[in-house]
């Protein structure tokens, strides 16, 4: 494609043609690739006039800077252009002038991962791939499962055995071949890679396929447009493998390089204390990752080795970012606080970023005049069992008015 210059290794910087399917031949799977565009070509189509006149309200409005050539593989599902809310009650609670909450739980399978799957499935169809697969803790799995079902592509999903039942049920409803792996996410990921090598399936895993993050970056484009190109000072995200924060940073950088915005945000990586390999490496100034067995209620960001860790580190370093760790207790409290102050019900991983914002406010890391944007990456209905841990079960009340009065007074 004329609009793509080359692919570039996030670890060593080596460049490749588009014929390379997944990763750097020198760095192996650690060398995840970035899609680098020719901005001179892209800018001929993608400008403010184009955006203003474009009536399409989904991620495909950004086709000039997405890695697909035609609409052949585009699913009819509504992906992207999710709502962003000015959270006035949160602003008063936290004493911050401008807080915006972008609810990506409103995507077709109720998570941010739909952005990646929309592009992944379209790319698979463009490349004439007959089978697509992925390793996932749940959201990416249900996402690719739904899009593959919509477009009639056979798919295999490798899921760790401890994935939430609701997410596994989604896969079965969509008709996926579910490989329930006896092990954690890292085990499922490695097993999926072996299957790809053996069967030649198309790997949708965002942590290995360079084209998947191209879908996720559109959240940054939307934030720019929805805020009238006034870029937030901080963009706060829950982080696991590092795919999401690096892709959103890429989106902001591309709009900046196209001259559509005139400043860049500071990226904030929020990880669970029991699963924080990206943050540990960033704080220590390392370019490698130390494995620790992940342990967190936030299953969607539970990783031992971040498979897109180098891209995440690049995003944090380039943006002079902040790394914040939060406890599972803080995550559960964030679920109820976000829901009660904004009406947005997020799953544990989806609200981890908000837990990080609360902690940053307590530690004086956010100026009260700043503009802050949060991306809630998944619906709370994805993991109702965890949500139940965050609230107190109500007592039974007899259908008697006197009993009700007594209960209310109590």
Protein backbone atom coordinates (compact mmCIF):
# COMPACT_ATOMS: atom_id res chain seq x y z
CA UNK A 1 0.00 0.00 0.00
CA UNK A 2 1.33 3.45 -0.95
CA UNK A 3 0.30 4.90 2.40
CA UNK A 4 2.57 2.50 4.35
CA UNK A 5 6.33 3.17 4.20
CA UNK A 6 7.49 0.13 6.16
CA UNK A 7 7.18 -1.84 9.40
CA UNK A 8 9.61 -0.98 12.21
CA UNK A 9 10.81 -3.13 15.13
CA UNK A 10 9.85 -1.57 18.46
CA UNK A 11 12.92 -3.07 20.12
CA UNK A 12 15.85 -2.56 17.72
CA UNK A 13 14.41 -0.16 15.13
CA UNK A 14 15.08 -2.38 12.09
CA UNK A 15 12.66 -1.80 9.21
CA UNK A 16 10.80 -4.35 7.07
CA UNK A 17 8.49 -4.48 4.09
CA UNK A 18 4.82 -5.34 4.52
CA UNK A 19 5.56 -8.91 3.49
CA UNK A 20 6.85 -9.63 7.02
CA UNK A 21 3.82 -11.05 8.82
CA UNK A 22 4.47 -10.62 12.51
CA UNK A 23 7.81 -9.69 14.10
CA UNK A 24 11.49 -8.73 13.70
CA UNK A 25 13.70 -11.56 12.45
CA UNK A 26 16.53 -10.43 14.74
CA UNK A 27 14.58 -9.86 17.95
CA UNK A 28 12.04 -12.67 17.58
CA UNK A 29 8.63 -12.30 19.20
CA UNK A 30 10.00 -9.55 21.47
CA UNK A 31 10.48 -7.45 18.34
CA UNK A 32 6.88 -6.42 17.75
CA UNK A 33 6.47 -4.19 14.73
CA UNK A 34 5.00 -0.73 14.22
CA UNK A 35 3.26 0.26 11.00
CA UNK A 36 4.94 3.45 9.74
CA UNK A 37 2.92 5.58 7.32
CA UNK A 38 3.95 7.98 4.58
CA UNK A 39 2.38 11.16 5.98
CA UNK A 40 2.80 12.99 2.70
CA UNK A 41 0.51 10.42 1.08
CA UNK A 42 -1.90 10.21 4.03
CA UNK A 43 -2.23 13.99 4.43
CA UNK A 44 -3.60 14.30 0.90
CA UNK A 45 -6.75 12.59 2.16
CA UNK A 46 -6.79 12.90 5.93
CA UNK A 47 -7.19 16.50 7.08
CA UNK A 48 -9.68 18.55 9.09
CA UNK A 49 -11.85 19.20 6.04
CA UNK A 50 -12.06 15.46 5.37
CA UNK A 51 -13.01 14.76 8.97
CA UNK A 52 -15.57 17.56 9.07
CA UNK A 53 -17.34 16.32 5.96
CA UNK A 54 -17.10 12.60 6.83
CA UNK A 55 -20.49 11.40 8.05
CA UNK A 56 -19.21 7.97 9.04
CA UNK A 57 -19.26 7.57 12.83
CA UNK A 58 -17.07 4.56 13.46
CA UNK A 59 -13.37 3.76 13.36
CA UNK A 60 -13.46 3.36 9.56
CA UNK A 61 -13.79 7.12 9.19
CA UNK A 62 -9.99 6.97 9.56
CA UNK A 63 -9.50 4.63 6.60
CA UNK A 64 -6.71 6.79 5.05
CA UNK A 65 -4.46 5.85 7.97
CA UNK A 66 -5.57 2.26 8.57
CA UNK A 67 -3.71 -0.72 7.07
CA UNK A 68 -6.46 -2.06 4.81
CA UNK A 69 -7.00 -1.30 1.15
CA UNK A 70 -10.74 -1.81 0.66
CA UNK A 71 -13.99 -2.31 2.55
CA UNK A 72 -14.17 -5.98 1.54
CA UNK A 73 -13.49 -7.30 5.05
CA UNK A 74 -15.22 -4.59 7.07
CA UNK A 75 -17.86 -6.05 9.38
CA UNK A 76 -21.24 -4.26 9.55
CA UNK A 77 -20.90 -3.98 13.34
CA UNK A 78 -20.66 -0.50 14.87
CA UNK A 79 -17.09 -0.19 16.18
CA UNK A 80 -15.61 2.94 17.66
CA UNK A 81 -16.91 6.48 17.99
CA UNK A 82 -17.80 5.49 21.55
CA UNK A 83 -19.17 8.23 23.80
CA UNK A 84 -16.97 10.50 25.88
CA UNK A 85 -18.50 12.13 28.93
CA UNK A 86 -17.48 15.20 30.88
CA UNK A 87 -17.63 13.79 34.41
CA UNK A 88 -18.73 16.83 36.39
CA UNK A 89 -19.51 14.93 39.60
CA UNK A 90 -16.08 13.30 39.48
CA UNK A 91 -14.49 16.69 38.93
CA UNK A 92 -16.06 17.96 42.15
CA UNK A 93 -15.12 14.79 44.02
CA UNK A 94 -11.47 14.90 42.95
CA UNK A 95 -11.14 18.70 42.61
CA UNK A 96 -9.98 18.55 38.99
CA UNK A 97 -11.32 21.03 36.46
CA UNK A 98 -11.83 18.72 33.47
CA UNK A 99 -12.22 14.94 33.58
CA UNK A 100 -13.45 13.04 30.52
CA UNK A 101 -14.48 9.38 30.56
CA UNK A 102 -14.49 7.48 27.27
CA UNK A 103 -16.69 4.40 27.55
CA UNK A 104 -15.37 1.70 25.24
CA UNK A 105 -17.60 -0.86 26.91
CA UNK A 106 -20.16 0.38 24.37
CA UNK A 107 -18.47 -1.51 21.50
CA UNK A 108 -20.21 -4.60 19.99
CA UNK A 109 -18.70 -7.21 22.33
CA UNK A 110 -18.39 -4.67 25.16
CA UNK A 111 -14.68 -3.91 25.11
CA UNK A 112 -11.88 -1.75 23.68
CA UNK A 113 -10.54 -4.90 21.97
CA UNK A 114 -13.24 -4.63 19.29
CA UNK A 115 -11.20 -1.88 17.66
CA UNK A 116 -8.35 -4.32 17.14
CA UNK A 117 -10.56 -7.21 16.03
CA UNK A 118 -12.35 -5.09 13.44
CA UNK A 119 -9.04 -4.38 11.73
CA UNK A 120 -7.66 -7.88 12.36
CA UNK A 121 -10.59 -9.65 10.72
CA UNK A 122 -10.60 -7.18 7.82
CA UNK A 123 -6.89 -7.81 7.31
CA UNK A 124 -7.34 -11.59 7.47
CA UNK A 125 -10.01 -11.40 4.75
CA UNK A 126 -7.80 -9.10 2.67
CA UNK A 127 -4.96 -11.65 2.95
CA UNK A 128 -7.39 -14.48 2.11
CA UNK A 129 -6.81 -16.26 5.43
CA UNK A 130 -9.37 -18.95 6.19
CA UNK A 131 -8.74 -19.41 9.93
CA UNK A 132 -7.97 -16.79 12.57
CA UNK A 133 -6.83 -17.43 16.13
CA UNK A 134 -5.86 -15.56 19.29
CA UNK A 135 -4.65 -16.01 22.84
CA UNK A 136 -6.55 -13.95 25.40
CA UNK A 137 -7.63 -13.63 28.99
CA UNK A 138 -11.14 -13.03 27.68
CA UNK A 139 -11.92 -9.68 26.02
CA UNK A 140 -9.78 -10.07 22.91
CA UNK A 141 -11.10 -13.61 22.63
CA UNK A 142 -14.77 -12.66 22.73
CA UNK A 143 -14.03 -9.76 20.41
CA UNK A 144 -12.39 -11.75 17.61
CA UNK A 145 -15.00 -14.45 18.16
CA UNK A 146 -17.85 -12.01 17.53
CA UNK A 147 -16.27 -10.43 14.45
CA UNK A 148 -15.25 -13.78 12.99
CA UNK A 149 -18.81 -15.03 13.47
CA UNK A 150 -20.17 -11.92 11.76
CA UNK A 151 -17.88 -12.41 8.76
CA UNK A 152 -18.02 -16.22 8.65
CA UNK A 153 -14.37 -16.98 9.44
CA UNK A 154 -13.43 -20.10 11.39
CA UNK A 155 -11.55 -19.26 14.59
CA UNK A 156 -9.67 -20.88 17.46
CA UNK A 157 -9.34 -19.11 20.80
CA UNK A 158 -6.71 -20.03 23.42
CA UNK A 159 -7.95 -18.98 26.86
CA UNK A 160 -6.43 -19.60 30.32
CA UNK A 161 -8.57 -21.88 32.46
CA UNK A 162 -9.19 -19.14 35.05
CA UNK A 163 -10.81 -16.71 32.58
CA UNK A 164 -14.21 -15.39 33.79
CA UNK A 165 -17.16 -17.61 32.89
CA UNK A 166 -19.03 -14.74 31.23
CA UNK A 167 -16.20 -14.23 28.75
CA UNK A 168 -15.86 -17.93 27.96
CA UNK A 169 -19.62 -18.11 27.50
CA UNK A 170 -19.44 -15.33 24.92
CA UNK A 171 -16.99 -17.42 22.89
CA UNK A 172 -19.24 -20.45 22.97
CA UNK A 173 -22.30 -18.41 22.00
CA UNK A 174 -20.42 -17.01 18.98
CA UNK A 175 -19.45 -20.57 17.97
CA UNK A 176 -15.67 -20.37 18.40
CA UNK A 177 -13.41 -23.36 18.88
CA UNK A 178 -12.38 -22.72 22.48
CA UNK A 179 -9.06 -24.13 23.65
CA UNK A 180 -9.23 -23.87 27.46
CA UNK A 181 -5.56 -24.00 28.38
CA UNK A 182 -4.38 -25.59 31.61
CA UNK A 183 -2.26 -22.60 32.68
CA UNK A 184 -2.14 -18.80 32.83
CA UNK A 185 -2.25 -16.24 30.02
CA UNK A 186 1.46 -16.51 29.28
CA UNK A 187 1.07 -20.28 28.83
CA UNK A 188 -1.95 -19.79 26.56
CA UNK A 189 -0.06 -17.21 24.48
CA UNK A 190 2.94 -19.49 23.91
CA UNK A 191 0.63 -22.41 23.06
CA UNK A 192 -1.19 -20.25 20.51
CA UNK A 193 2.13 -19.35 18.85
CA UNK A 194 2.96 -23.05 18.48
CA UNK A 195 -0.43 -23.67 16.85
CA UNK A 196 0.11 -20.77 14.43
CA UNK A 197 3.49 -22.16 13.41
CA UNK A 198 2.03 -25.63 12.90
CA UNK A 199 -1.29 -24.86 11.21
CA UNK A 200 -0.53 -21.57 9.49
CA UNK A 201 -3.52 -19.80 11.02
CA UNK A 202 -3.70 -15.99 11.03
CA UNK A 203 -2.69 -14.73 14.47
CA UNK A 204 -5.01 -12.01 15.76
CA UNK A 205 -3.12 -11.63 19.06
CA UNK A 206 -2.55 -7.89 19.42
CA UNK A 207 0.77 -8.53 21.12
CA UNK A 208 2.22 -10.16 17.98
CA UNK A 209 0.28 -8.86 14.97
CA UNK A 210 1.40 -5.33 13.96
CA UNK A 211 -1.93 -4.43 12.35
CA UNK A 212 -4.14 -4.93 15.39
CA UNK A 213 -2.91 -1.87 17.30
CA UNK A 214 -3.91 0.18 14.26
CA UNK A 215 -7.52 -0.35 15.26
CA UNK A 216 -6.88 0.61 18.87
CA UNK A 217 -5.13 3.85 17.98
CA UNK A 218 -8.43 5.21 16.65
CA UNK A 219 -9.51 5.90 20.24
CA UNK A 220 -6.92 8.69 20.28
CA UNK A 221 -8.27 10.11 17.01
CA UNK A 222 -11.78 10.12 18.46
CA UNK A 223 -10.69 11.84 21.67
CA UNK A 224 -9.09 14.59 19.59
CA UNK A 225 -12.20 15.12 17.50
CA UNK A 226 -14.68 14.76 20.35
CA UNK A 227 -12.78 17.37 22.39
CA UNK A 228 -12.57 19.72 19.39
CA UNK A 229 -8.85 18.96 18.95
CA UNK A 230 -8.04 20.22 22.47
CA UNK A 231 -5.69 17.42 23.58
CA UNK A 232 -5.90 16.37 27.26
CA UNK A 233 -2.88 16.95 29.47
CA UNK A 234 -2.97 13.34 30.66
CA UNK A 235 -4.46 10.20 29.13
CA UNK A 236 -4.81 7.45 31.73
CA UNK A 237 -5.07 3.79 30.77
CA UNK A 238 -5.13 0.36 32.36
CA UNK A 239 -2.12 -1.63 31.13
CA UNK A 240 -1.44 -5.35 30.73
CA UNK A 241 0.54 -6.45 27.68
CA UNK A 242 1.15 -2.84 26.70
CA UNK A 243 -0.80 -2.99 23.43
CA UNK A 244 -3.46 -0.44 24.31
CA UNK A 245 -1.39 2.37 25.79
CA UNK A 246 1.17 2.12 22.98
CA UNK A 247 -1.51 2.16 20.30
CA UNK A 248 -3.30 5.20 21.75
CA UNK A 249 0.02 7.03 22.00
CA UNK A 250 0.68 6.11 18.35
CA UNK A 251 -2.66 7.63 17.42
CA UNK A 252 -1.89 10.94 19.12
CA UNK A 253 1.54 11.05 17.49
CA UNK A 254 0.10 10.42 14.03
CA UNK A 255 -2.47 13.22 14.38
CA UNK A 256 0.38 15.45 15.58
CA UNK A 257 2.58 14.52 12.60
CA UNK A 258 -0.36 15.25 10.28
CA UNK A 259 -0.71 18.70 11.83
CA UNK A 260 -4.21 17.96 13.16
CA UNK A 261 -3.19 18.66 16.77
CA UNK A 262 -0.45 20.89 18.15
CA UNK A 263 0.50 19.18 21.40
CA UNK A 264 0.80 15.65 22.78
CA UNK A 265 -0.55 14.24 26.06
CA UNK A 266 1.35 12.61 28.89
CA UNK A 267 0.49 8.91 28.98
CA UNK A 268 -0.21 7.28 32.34
CA UNK A 269 0.21 3.52 32.73
CA UNK A 270 -1.84 2.03 35.56
CA UNK A 271 -1.19 -1.59 36.47
CA UNK A 272 -2.32 -3.86 39.27
CA UNK A 273 0.26 -4.30 42.03
CA UNK A 274 0.19 -8.05 41.43
CA UNK A 275 0.79 -7.70 37.67
CA UNK A 276 3.00 -4.70 36.91
CA UNK A 277 5.92 -5.75 34.65
CA UNK A 278 5.72 -2.66 32.41
CA UNK A 279 5.68 -0.23 35.32
CA UNK A 280 8.53 -2.01 37.11
CA UNK A 281 10.72 -1.88 34.01
CA UNK A 282 9.87 1.77 33.35
CA UNK A 283 10.62 2.91 36.89
CA UNK A 284 13.95 1.04 36.88
CA UNK A 285 14.91 2.35 33.46
CA UNK A 286 15.18 -1.19 32.06
CA UNK A 287 14.73 -2.46 28.51
CA UNK A 288 13.87 -5.96 29.68
CA UNK A 289 11.14 -7.50 31.81
CA UNK A 290 11.40 -9.57 34.96
CA UNK A 291 8.84 -12.36 35.21
CA UNK A 292 6.67 -12.56 38.30
CA UNK A 293 3.60 -14.76 38.54
CA UNK A 294 0.64 -12.40 37.97
CA UNK A 295 -1.93 -12.13 40.71
CA UNK A 296 -4.82 -9.71 40.31
CA UNK A 297 -8.59 -9.62 40.14
CA UNK A 298 -8.26 -7.63 36.89
CA UNK A 299 -8.00 -10.64 34.56
CA UNK A 300 -7.78 -8.61 31.35
CA UNK A 301 -4.48 -7.05 32.44
CA UNK A 302 -3.08 -10.07 34.28
CA UNK A 303 0.27 -10.81 32.61
CA UNK A 304 3.69 -12.05 33.72
CA UNK A 305 5.61 -10.97 30.63
CA UNK A 306 4.16 -8.05 28.62
CA UNK A 307 4.11 -9.17 24.99
CA UNK A 308 4.03 -5.60 23.71
CA UNK A 309 6.18 -4.28 26.50
CA UNK A 310 8.71 -2.47 24.33
CA UNK A 311 6.01 -0.45 22.61
CA UNK A 312 4.56 0.45 26.02
CA UNK A 313 7.97 1.54 27.31
CA UNK A 314 8.51 3.62 24.18
CA UNK A 315 5.13 5.33 24.74
CA UNK A 316 5.94 6.13 28.36
CA UNK A 317 9.43 7.39 27.61
CA UNK A 318 8.44 9.47 24.60
CA UNK A 319 5.52 11.07 26.47
CA UNK A 320 7.47 11.49 29.73
CA UNK A 321 4.75 9.31 31.18
CA UNK A 322 3.81 8.20 34.67
CA UNK A 323 3.58 4.62 36.00
CA UNK A 324 1.12 3.97 38.85
CA UNK A 325 0.37 0.68 40.61
CA UNK A 326 -2.92 0.04 42.40
CA UNK A 327 -4.13 -2.74 44.67
CA UNK A 328 -7.05 -5.05 43.95
CA UNK A 329 -8.87 -3.36 46.83
CA UNK A 330 -8.41 0.02 45.14
CA UNK A 331 -9.66 -1.47 41.85
CA UNK A 332 -12.83 -2.82 43.47
CA UNK A 333 -13.50 0.54 45.15
CA UNK A 334 -12.95 2.26 41.79
CA UNK A 335 -15.65 0.07 40.21
CA UNK A 336 -18.31 1.41 42.55
CA UNK A 337 -17.02 5.00 42.61
CA UNK A 338 -16.90 5.31 38.83
CA UNK A 339 -20.36 3.79 38.43
CA UNK A 340 -21.90 5.94 41.16
CA UNK A 341 -20.38 9.21 39.95
CA UNK A 342 -20.63 8.73 36.16
CA UNK A 343 -23.06 5.89 35.46
CA UNK A 344 -20.29 3.98 33.64
CA UNK A 345 -20.00 0.36 34.85
CA UNK A 346 -16.56 -0.99 34.09
CA UNK A 347 -14.97 -4.37 34.69
CA UNK A 348 -11.90 -4.51 37.02
CA UNK A 349 -9.37 -3.97 34.21
CA UNK A 350 -11.63 -1.30 32.73
CA UNK A 351 -11.58 0.82 35.90
CA UNK A 352 -7.95 0.25 36.88
CA UNK A 353 -7.08 3.50 35.13
CA UNK A 354 -9.62 5.34 37.29
CA UNK A 355 -8.15 3.74 40.42
CA UNK A 356 -4.84 5.15 39.22
CA UNK A 357 -6.30 8.63 38.81
CA UNK A 358 -7.64 8.53 42.36
CA UNK A 359 -4.20 7.51 43.65
CA UNK A 360 -2.49 10.23 41.59
CA UNK A 361 -4.80 12.85 43.11
CA UNK A 362 -3.97 11.61 46.62
CA UNK A 363 -0.25 11.82 45.81
CA UNK A 364 -0.49 15.28 44.23
CA UNK A 365 0.42 14.11 40.72
CA UNK A 366 -2.50 15.85 38.98
CA UNK A 367 -2.94 19.60 38.79
CA UNK A 368 -6.48 20.75 39.50
CA UNK A 369 -6.53 22.80 36.26
CA UNK A 370 -5.48 19.88 34.07
CA UNK A 371 -7.64 18.12 31.51
CA UNK A 372 -7.61 14.37 32.06
CA UNK A 373 -9.06 11.64 29.85
CA UNK A 374 -9.78 8.07 31.01
CA UNK A 375 -10.51 5.17 28.71
CA UNK A 376 -12.77 2.55 30.32
CA UNK A 377 -11.80 -0.52 28.33
CA UNK A 378 -14.53 -3.03 29.19
CA UNK A 379 -18.05 -3.37 30.56
CA UNK A 380 -18.64 -4.52 34.12
CA UNK A 381 -21.06 -7.11 32.81
CA UNK A 382 -18.00 -8.99 31.56
CA UNK A 383 -17.13 -10.02 35.11
CA UNK A 384 -20.14 -9.88 37.40
CA UNK A 385 -18.48 -12.10 40.01
CA UNK A 386 -15.81 -9.47 40.61
CA UNK A 387 -18.45 -6.74 40.72
CA UNK A 388 -20.26 -8.66 43.44
CA UNK A 389 -17.10 -8.49 45.56
CA UNK A 390 -17.24 -4.70 45.38
CA UNK A 391 -20.72 -4.38 46.90
CA UNK A 392 -22.70 -5.64 49.86
CA UNK A 393 -25.48 -8.10 49.17
CA UNK A 394 -28.89 -6.61 50.14
CA UNK A 395 -31.02 -8.13 52.88
CA UNK A 396 -34.41 -9.66 52.16
CA UNK A 397 -37.35 -7.47 53.15
CA UNK A 398 -40.89 -8.78 53.58
CA UNK A 399 -43.47 -7.02 51.39
CA UNK A 400 -44.86 -5.14 54.39
CA UNK A 401 -44.77 -1.34 54.65
CA UNK A 402 -43.95 -1.40 58.37
CA UNK A 403 -41.01 -3.72 57.63
CA UNK A 404 -39.86 -1.37 54.86
CA UNK A 405 -39.97 1.66 57.17
CA UNK A 406 -38.00 -0.28 59.78
CA UNK A 407 -35.43 -1.33 57.15
CA UNK A 408 -35.00 2.20 55.79
CA UNK A 409 -34.60 3.67 59.28
CA UNK A 410 -32.01 1.01 60.09
